[in-house]
């Protein structure tokens, strides 16, 4: 397996909870997978991710 560089992000606990819920909702393995999908530039994937974040507060 190739070694990938790590990215560190500082977000509030509340935002981390939302991110984790959305990752779970979308059936992704990690927030890193979500970031890779965003960076792909694939408009359909980006739209799908945006829909996952829409109304994320209702997941709690």
N, C-alpha and C. Protein backbone atom coordinates (compact mmCIF):
# COMPACT_ATOMS: atom_id res chain seq x y z
N UNK A 1 0.84 -1.18 0.00
CA UNK A 1 0.00 0.00 0.00
C UNK A 1 0.89 1.24 0.00
N UNK A 2 0.57 2.18 -0.83
CA UNK A 2 1.36 3.41 -0.93
C UNK A 2 1.18 4.27 0.30
N UNK A 3 2.22 4.94 0.68
CA UNK A 3 2.14 5.86 1.81
C UNK A 3 1.62 7.19 1.30
N UNK A 4 0.57 7.68 1.93
CA UNK A 4 -0.03 8.95 1.55
C UNK A 4 0.30 10.00 2.60
N UNK A 5 0.51 11.23 2.17
CA UNK A 5 0.77 12.29 3.15
C UNK A 5 -0.47 12.54 4.02
N UNK A 6 -0.24 12.95 5.23
CA UNK A 6 -1.32 13.22 6.17
C UNK A 6 -1.67 14.71 6.12
N UNK A 7 -2.94 15.00 6.33
CA UNK A 7 -3.41 16.38 6.42
C UNK A 7 -4.07 16.52 7.78
N UNK A 8 -3.72 17.57 8.51
CA UNK A 8 -4.32 17.83 9.80
C UNK A 8 -5.26 19.02 9.68
N UNK A 9 -6.46 18.86 10.21
CA UNK A 9 -7.45 19.92 10.17
C UNK A 9 -7.97 20.15 11.57
N UNK A 10 -8.07 21.39 11.97
CA UNK A 10 -8.63 21.72 13.28
C UNK A 10 -10.06 22.20 13.09
N UNK A 11 -11.01 21.43 13.63
CA UNK A 11 -12.41 21.82 13.60
C UNK A 11 -13.00 21.60 14.98
N UNK A 12 -14.09 22.28 15.24
CA UNK A 12 -14.72 22.16 16.55
C UNK A 12 -15.28 20.75 16.73
N UNK A 13 -15.53 20.39 17.96
CA UNK A 13 -16.10 19.08 18.28
C UNK A 13 -17.45 18.91 17.59
N UNK A 14 -18.25 19.97 17.56
CA UNK A 14 -19.56 19.91 16.92
C UNK A 14 -19.42 19.65 15.41
N UNK A 15 -18.47 20.34 14.77
CA UNK A 15 -18.24 20.13 13.34
C UNK A 15 -17.69 18.73 13.07
N UNK A 16 -16.86 18.23 13.96
CA UNK A 16 -16.33 16.88 13.82
C UNK A 16 -17.46 15.86 13.91
N UNK A 17 -18.39 16.09 14.82
CA UNK A 17 -19.54 15.19 14.96
C UNK A 17 -20.38 15.19 13.67
N UNK A 18 -20.60 16.39 13.10
CA UNK A 18 -21.36 16.49 11.85
C UNK A 18 -20.62 15.76 10.74
N UNK A 19 -19.32 15.99 10.62
CA UNK A 19 -18.52 15.34 9.58
C UNK A 19 -18.60 13.83 9.70
N UNK A 20 -18.45 13.31 10.90
CA UNK A 20 -18.51 11.86 11.10
C UNK A 20 -19.89 11.30 10.75
N UNK A 21 -20.96 12.03 11.10
CA UNK A 21 -22.31 11.58 10.76
C UNK A 21 -22.52 11.55 9.26
N UNK A 22 -22.03 12.57 8.56
CA UNK A 22 -22.18 12.63 7.10
C UNK A 22 -21.37 11.52 6.44
N UNK A 23 -20.16 11.29 6.92
CA UNK A 23 -19.35 10.19 6.38
C UNK A 23 -20.09 8.87 6.55
N UNK A 24 -20.69 8.67 7.71
CA UNK A 24 -21.47 7.45 7.96
C UNK A 24 -22.69 7.40 7.06
N UNK A 25 -23.38 8.52 6.93
CA UNK A 25 -24.59 8.60 6.10
C UNK A 25 -24.30 8.26 4.65
N UNK A 26 -23.16 8.70 4.15
CA UNK A 26 -22.78 8.46 2.77
C UNK A 26 -22.16 7.08 2.56
N UNK A 27 -21.90 6.38 3.65
CA UNK A 27 -21.33 5.04 3.55
C UNK A 27 -19.86 5.05 3.18
N UNK A 28 -19.16 6.11 3.56
CA UNK A 28 -17.73 6.20 3.27
C UNK A 28 -16.92 5.60 4.41
N UNK A 29 -15.67 5.28 4.13
CA UNK A 29 -14.84 4.64 5.14
C UNK A 29 -14.17 5.64 6.07
N UNK A 30 -14.01 6.90 5.61
CA UNK A 30 -13.31 7.88 6.43
C UNK A 30 -13.51 9.28 5.87
N UNK A 31 -13.24 10.31 6.69
CA UNK A 31 -13.26 11.67 6.16
C UNK A 31 -12.23 11.87 5.04
N UNK A 32 -11.13 11.13 5.09
CA UNK A 32 -10.12 11.22 4.04
C UNK A 32 -10.67 10.78 2.69
N UNK A 33 -11.51 9.76 2.70
CA UNK A 33 -12.12 9.31 1.46
C UNK A 33 -13.03 10.41 0.91
N UNK A 34 -13.76 11.08 1.78
CA UNK A 34 -14.61 12.18 1.36
C UNK A 34 -13.77 13.29 0.73
N UNK A 35 -12.65 13.63 1.33
CA UNK A 35 -11.78 14.67 0.80
C UNK A 35 -11.21 14.28 -0.56
N UNK A 36 -10.79 13.02 -0.71
CA UNK A 36 -10.29 12.56 -2.01
C UNK A 36 -11.36 12.67 -3.09
N UNK A 37 -12.61 12.36 -2.72
CA UNK A 37 -13.70 12.48 -3.68
C UNK A 37 -13.94 13.93 -4.07
N UNK A 38 -13.85 14.84 -3.10
CA UNK A 38 -14.01 16.26 -3.40
C UNK A 38 -12.90 16.75 -4.33
N UNK A 39 -11.70 16.28 -4.10
CA UNK A 39 -10.55 16.72 -4.90
C UNK A 39 -10.55 16.11 -6.30
N UNK A 40 -11.38 15.10 -6.53
CA UNK A 40 -11.41 14.45 -7.84
C UNK A 40 -11.94 15.38 -8.92
N UNK A 41 -12.74 16.36 -8.53
CA UNK A 41 -13.31 17.27 -9.50
C UNK A 41 -14.53 16.71 -10.20
N UNK A 42 -14.96 15.52 -9.85
CA UNK A 42 -16.13 14.88 -10.45
C UNK A 42 -17.39 15.59 -9.94
N UNK A 43 -18.06 16.31 -10.83
CA UNK A 43 -19.22 17.12 -10.44
C UNK A 43 -20.33 16.29 -9.81
N UNK A 44 -20.55 15.08 -10.31
CA UNK A 44 -21.60 14.22 -9.75
C UNK A 44 -21.27 13.81 -8.32
N UNK A 45 -20.02 13.46 -8.08
CA UNK A 45 -19.61 13.08 -6.71
C UNK A 45 -19.72 14.27 -5.77
N UNK A 46 -19.30 15.44 -6.23
CA UNK A 46 -19.35 16.64 -5.39
C UNK A 46 -20.80 16.98 -5.05
N UNK A 47 -21.68 16.88 -6.01
CA UNK A 47 -23.11 17.12 -5.77
C UNK A 47 -23.67 16.12 -4.77
N UNK A 48 -23.28 14.86 -4.90
CA UNK A 48 -23.72 13.80 -3.99
C UNK A 48 -23.26 14.10 -2.56
N UNK A 49 -22.02 14.55 -2.43
CA UNK A 49 -21.49 14.90 -1.10
C UNK A 49 -22.24 16.10 -0.53
N UNK A 50 -22.51 17.11 -1.37
CA UNK A 50 -23.24 18.29 -0.91
C UNK A 50 -24.62 17.90 -0.39
N UNK A 51 -25.29 16.98 -1.08
CA UNK A 51 -26.59 16.51 -0.62
C UNK A 51 -26.47 15.81 0.73
N UNK A 52 -25.35 15.14 0.95
CA UNK A 52 -25.11 14.48 2.23
C UNK A 52 -24.98 15.46 3.39
N UNK A 53 -24.45 16.65 3.09
CA UNK A 53 -24.30 17.67 4.12
C UNK A 53 -25.56 18.50 4.32
N UNK A 54 -26.44 18.49 3.31
CA UNK A 54 -27.66 19.28 3.42
C UNK A 54 -28.51 18.73 4.56
N UNK A 55 -28.95 19.58 5.43
CA UNK A 55 -29.77 19.20 6.58
C UNK A 55 -29.05 18.23 7.51
N UNK A 56 -27.73 18.31 7.59
CA UNK A 56 -26.96 17.40 8.43
C UNK A 56 -27.35 17.52 9.90
N UNK A 57 -27.82 18.69 10.30
CA UNK A 57 -28.23 18.87 11.70
C UNK A 57 -29.38 17.94 12.07
N UNK A 58 -30.13 17.46 11.09
CA UNK A 58 -31.26 16.57 11.37
C UNK A 58 -30.80 15.15 11.71
N UNK A 59 -29.51 14.88 11.53
CA UNK A 59 -28.97 13.55 11.82
C UNK A 59 -28.81 13.31 13.32
N UNK A 60 -28.99 14.35 14.13
CA UNK A 60 -28.77 14.23 15.57
C UNK A 60 -30.06 14.12 16.32
